[in-house]
């Protein structure tokens, strides 16, 4: 799920920044002056930023052109499954209405047969719905992780270049998330989205505003009516 990879954002970014430092660190015994890309004192001071910022990682992923394109494609992919689940839900509802309308007219054997048919279809619907949701969430997470992995270095660079010493994720509202209240003045979600769009080169989808994909599950019908008491 999206929430799972959003929680590891800081770890991903921090890991990439450590990797970058390891790649640029001069070899032992090499004079500082011999390193052509050694940062100046001003740049070094800039990199120890003290500003505090916030970013909604989930929104940044969903709102990016690549995220919108890939999540819309995923929703499209699951449309046949949605139709299948809706058809099964409608069938269960129809059988329940039949039982409710005819149970006084049916003999005991016919009632039991109809109830068992409803229960069997209900179980099949529940299993199919759960499988579809898990499959959808798994593929959704793969898309999100792919985008986040490519976005993390850009995010690290933006934080460093703009003097941020602390960046908090607001994807989860308080108390599940760390931020109680934050204002737009310290939020860098939109600049990151714009920078990522420019880097990825993916054009904006033709569809309307960015939003998270809908879950591919039909409304779950109520449990089937139990067998009426035997007379």
Protein backbone atom coordinates (compact mmCIF):
# COMPACT_ATOMS: atom_id res chain seq x y z
CA UNK A 1 0.00 0.00 0.00
CA UNK A 2 0.92 3.64 -0.44
CA UNK A 3 1.09 4.21 3.29
CA UNK A 4 3.73 1.52 3.69
CA UNK A 5 6.24 3.09 1.32
CA UNK A 6 5.40 6.59 2.58
CA UNK A 7 6.59 5.58 6.03
CA UNK A 8 10.04 4.61 4.75
CA UNK A 9 10.59 7.84 2.83
CA UNK A 10 13.06 9.39 5.23
CA UNK A 11 15.02 6.16 5.41
CA UNK A 12 15.24 6.03 1.62
CA UNK A 13 16.31 9.65 1.33
CA UNK A 14 18.83 9.36 4.15
CA UNK A 15 20.28 6.20 2.65
CA UNK A 16 20.72 7.88 -0.72
CA UNK A 17 22.39 10.90 0.85
CA UNK A 18 24.86 8.67 2.69
CA UNK A 19 25.57 6.85 -0.55
CA UNK A 20 26.21 10.17 -2.31
CA UNK A 21 28.61 11.27 0.40
CA UNK A 22 30.49 8.00 0.14
CA UNK A 23 30.85 8.45 -3.61
CA UNK A 24 32.21 12.00 -3.35
CA UNK A 25 34.51 11.52 -0.35
CA UNK A 26 38.18 11.85 -1.42
CA UNK A 27 40.50 8.91 -0.95
CA UNK A 28 42.65 8.78 2.18
CA UNK A 29 45.83 10.81 1.87
CA UNK A 30 44.51 12.98 -0.96
CA UNK A 31 44.95 16.70 -0.18
CA UNK A 32 41.75 18.67 -0.08
CA UNK A 33 43.08 21.08 -2.69
CA UNK A 34 43.52 18.20 -5.13
CA UNK A 35 39.80 17.48 -5.11
CA UNK A 36 38.31 19.50 -7.96
CA UNK A 37 34.74 19.46 -6.55
CA UNK A 38 35.57 20.29 -2.92
CA UNK A 39 32.73 22.50 -1.60
CA UNK A 40 33.47 26.04 -0.58
CA UNK A 41 32.94 27.23 2.99
CA UNK A 42 29.77 29.02 1.92
CA UNK A 43 28.37 25.90 0.26
CA UNK A 44 29.28 23.82 3.30
CA UNK A 45 27.44 26.24 5.54
CA UNK A 46 24.45 26.12 3.22
CA UNK A 47 24.37 22.33 3.41
CA UNK A 48 23.95 22.45 7.19
CA UNK A 49 20.54 24.11 6.77
CA UNK A 50 18.32 24.90 9.73
CA UNK A 51 14.99 25.42 7.92
CA UNK A 52 12.06 23.11 8.65
CA UNK A 53 9.81 21.93 5.86
CA UNK A 54 6.94 19.55 5.23
CA UNK A 55 5.96 17.37 2.28
CA UNK A 56 2.99 15.12 1.60
CA UNK A 57 4.77 12.19 -0.01
CA UNK A 58 1.58 10.40 -1.05
CA UNK A 59 0.27 13.54 -2.70
CA UNK A 60 3.59 14.16 -4.44
CA UNK A 61 3.52 10.64 -5.90
CA UNK A 62 -0.16 10.76 -6.91
CA UNK A 63 0.04 14.30 -8.31
CA UNK A 64 3.11 13.72 -10.46
CA UNK A 65 2.42 13.18 -14.15
CA UNK A 66 3.99 9.73 -13.97
CA UNK A 67 1.93 8.81 -10.92
CA UNK A 68 -1.31 10.01 -12.48
CA UNK A 69 -0.59 8.11 -15.68
CA UNK A 70 0.37 4.85 -13.97
CA UNK A 71 -2.39 4.85 -11.36
CA UNK A 72 -5.02 5.62 -14.00
CA UNK A 73 -3.69 2.72 -16.07
CA UNK A 74 -3.89 0.46 -13.01
CA UNK A 75 -7.51 1.47 -12.34
CA UNK A 76 -8.31 0.79 -16.00
CA UNK A 77 -6.68 -2.63 -15.74
CA UNK A 78 -8.96 -3.57 -12.85
CA UNK A 79 -12.21 -2.41 -14.46
CA UNK A 80 -13.12 -5.94 -15.70
CA UNK A 81 -12.64 -7.29 -12.17
CA UNK A 82 -14.83 -4.48 -10.80
CA UNK A 83 -17.56 -5.41 -13.28
CA UNK A 84 -17.23 -9.08 -12.35
CA UNK A 85 -17.56 -8.33 -8.64
CA UNK A 86 -20.51 -6.03 -9.22
CA UNK A 87 -22.26 -8.73 -11.23
CA UNK A 88 -21.74 -11.25 -8.43
CA UNK A 89 -22.97 -8.76 -5.82
CA UNK A 90 -26.09 -8.06 -7.88
CA UNK A 91 -26.72 -11.78 -8.22
CA UNK A 92 -26.49 -12.27 -4.45
CA UNK A 93 -28.83 -9.36 -3.81
CA UNK A 94 -31.32 -10.79 -6.31
CA UNK A 95 -31.27 -14.19 -4.61
CA UNK A 96 -31.76 -12.58 -1.20
CA UNK A 97 -34.79 -10.68 -2.46
CA UNK A 98 -36.13 -13.91 -3.91
CA UNK A 99 -35.72 -15.65 -0.56
CA UNK A 100 -37.36 -12.78 1.29
CA UNK A 101 -40.34 -12.66 -1.07
CA UNK A 102 -40.90 -16.41 -1.42
CA UNK A 103 -39.76 -18.01 1.82
CA UNK A 104 -43.32 -18.39 3.11
CA UNK A 105 -44.31 -20.14 -0.13
CA UNK A 106 -41.29 -22.44 -0.38
CA UNK A 107 -41.11 -25.80 1.26
CA UNK A 108 -38.31 -26.54 3.71
CA UNK A 109 -36.09 -28.25 1.14
CA UNK A 110 -36.40 -25.40 -1.36
CA UNK A 111 -35.66 -22.79 1.31
CA UNK A 112 -32.58 -24.64 2.51
CA UNK A 113 -31.31 -25.01 -1.05
CA UNK A 114 -31.74 -21.31 -1.78
CA UNK A 115 -30.06 -20.26 1.47
CA UNK A 116 -27.10 -22.54 0.81
CA UNK A 117 -26.82 -21.12 -2.71
CA UNK A 118 -26.70 -17.58 -1.30
CA UNK A 119 -24.13 -18.52 1.34
CA UNK A 120 -21.93 -20.23 -1.25
CA UNK A 121 -22.02 -17.22 -3.58
CA UNK A 122 -21.38 -14.88 -0.64
CA UNK A 123 -18.22 -16.79 0.29
CA UNK A 124 -17.03 -16.71 -3.32
CA UNK A 125 -17.69 -12.97 -3.46
CA UNK A 126 -15.79 -12.34 -0.21
CA UNK A 127 -12.78 -14.33 -1.40
CA UNK A 128 -12.75 -12.68 -4.83
CA UNK A 129 -13.08 -9.21 -3.30
CA UNK A 130 -10.23 -9.78 -0.87
CA UNK A 131 -7.98 -11.23 -3.58
CA UNK A 132 -8.73 -8.29 -5.90
CA UNK A 133 -8.04 -5.72 -3.18
CA UNK A 134 -4.76 -7.36 -2.20
CA UNK A 135 -3.65 -7.62 -5.82
CA UNK A 136 -4.61 -4.00 -6.49
CA UNK A 137 -2.84 -2.73 -3.36
CA UNK A 138 0.26 -4.76 -4.18
CA UNK A 139 0.51 -3.30 -7.69
CA UNK A 140 -0.31 0.16 -6.34
CA UNK A 141 2.58 -0.18 -3.88
CA UNK A 142 4.95 -1.25 -6.66
CA UNK A 143 4.08 1.85 -8.67
CA UNK A 144 4.50 4.10 -5.65
CA UNK A 145 7.83 2.57 -4.67
CA UNK A 146 9.14 2.93 -8.23
CA UNK A 147 8.27 6.63 -8.32
CA UNK A 148 9.53 7.26 -4.78
CA UNK A 149 12.87 5.65 -5.57
CA UNK A 150 13.37 8.04 -8.50
CA UNK A 151 12.00 11.02 -6.57
CA UNK A 152 14.19 10.53 -3.47
CA UNK A 153 17.48 11.86 -4.95
CA UNK A 154 15.67 14.92 -6.30
CA UNK A 155 14.09 15.48 -2.88
CA UNK A 156 17.47 15.16 -1.18
CA UNK A 157 19.00 17.69 -3.57
CA UNK A 158 16.14 20.16 -3.06
CA UNK A 159 16.46 19.92 0.72
CA UNK A 160 20.22 20.42 0.59
CA UNK A 161 20.16 23.25 -1.96
CA UNK A 162 17.48 25.16 -0.07
CA UNK A 163 18.95 24.89 3.41
CA UNK A 164 16.48 22.53 5.07
CA UNK A 165 17.67 20.77 8.21
CA UNK A 166 14.44 18.89 8.89
CA UNK A 167 11.70 17.62 6.57
CA UNK A 168 8.48 16.04 7.88
CA UNK A 169 5.99 13.90 5.98
CA UNK A 170 2.35 15.00 6.35
CA UNK A 171 0.81 12.07 4.45
CA UNK A 172 -0.69 10.77 7.69
CA UNK A 173 -2.72 13.22 9.83
CA UNK A 174 -1.94 13.53 13.51
CA UNK A 175 -1.94 11.48 15.76
CA UNK A 176 -0.94 8.78 13.25
CA UNK A 177 1.57 11.17 11.69
CA UNK A 178 4.21 13.35 13.41
CA UNK A 179 2.80 16.76 12.39
CA UNK A 180 -0.04 18.31 14.40
CA UNK A 181 -0.44 21.51 12.37
CA UNK A 182 1.50 22.91 9.42
CA UNK A 183 1.04 25.82 7.05
CA UNK A 184 1.50 26.13 3.28
CA UNK A 185 4.50 28.42 3.75
CA UNK A 186 6.75 25.49 4.71
CA UNK A 187 5.23 22.86 2.40
CA UNK A 188 7.42 21.84 -0.54
CA UNK A 189 5.09 19.26 -2.11
CA UNK A 190 4.26 21.31 -5.21
CA UNK A 191 7.85 22.35 -5.99
CA UNK A 192 8.91 18.72 -5.74
CA UNK A 193 6.09 17.62 -8.05
CA UNK A 194 7.03 20.28 -10.59
CA UNK A 195 10.72 19.38 -10.40
CA UNK A 196 9.95 15.67 -10.76
CA UNK A 197 7.69 16.29 -13.76
CA UNK A 198 10.47 18.23 -15.44
CA UNK A 199 12.98 15.48 -14.67
CA UNK A 200 10.77 12.57 -15.78
CA UNK A 201 9.61 14.20 -19.01
CA UNK A 202 6.23 12.49 -18.67
CA UNK A 203 3.48 14.76 -20.06
CA UNK A 204 0.39 15.55 -18.01
CA UNK A 205 -2.45 13.05 -18.59
CA UNK A 206 -5.48 14.26 -20.48
CA UNK A 207 -7.78 13.37 -17.56
CA UNK A 208 -8.84 15.75 -14.80
CA UNK A 209 -7.06 16.65 -11.55
CA UNK A 210 -4.74 14.16 -9.90
CA UNK A 211 -6.21 11.90 -7.29
CA UNK A 212 -5.61 8.52 -5.72
CA UNK A 213 -6.99 5.48 -7.56
CA UNK A 214 -10.30 4.00 -6.47
CA UNK A 215 -10.32 0.58 -4.88
CA UNK A 216 -11.46 -2.19 -7.24
CA UNK A 217 -14.20 -3.66 -5.10
CA UNK A 218 -17.94 -3.67 -5.50
CA UNK A 219 -20.15 -2.87 -2.54
CA UNK A 220 -20.25 -5.85 -0.28
CA UNK A 221 -23.77 -7.28 -0.03
CA UNK A 222 -25.26 -7.99 3.35
CA UNK A 223 -24.92 -11.55 4.69
CA UNK A 224 -27.61 -13.92 3.40
CA UNK A 225 -30.72 -14.43 5.42
CA UNK A 226 -30.63 -17.38 7.74
CA UNK A 227 -32.90 -20.37 7.27
CA UNK A 228 -36.33 -19.68 8.76
CA UNK A 229 -37.25 -21.81 11.78
CA UNK A 230 -38.74 -25.16 10.89
CA UNK A 231 -42.41 -25.51 11.57
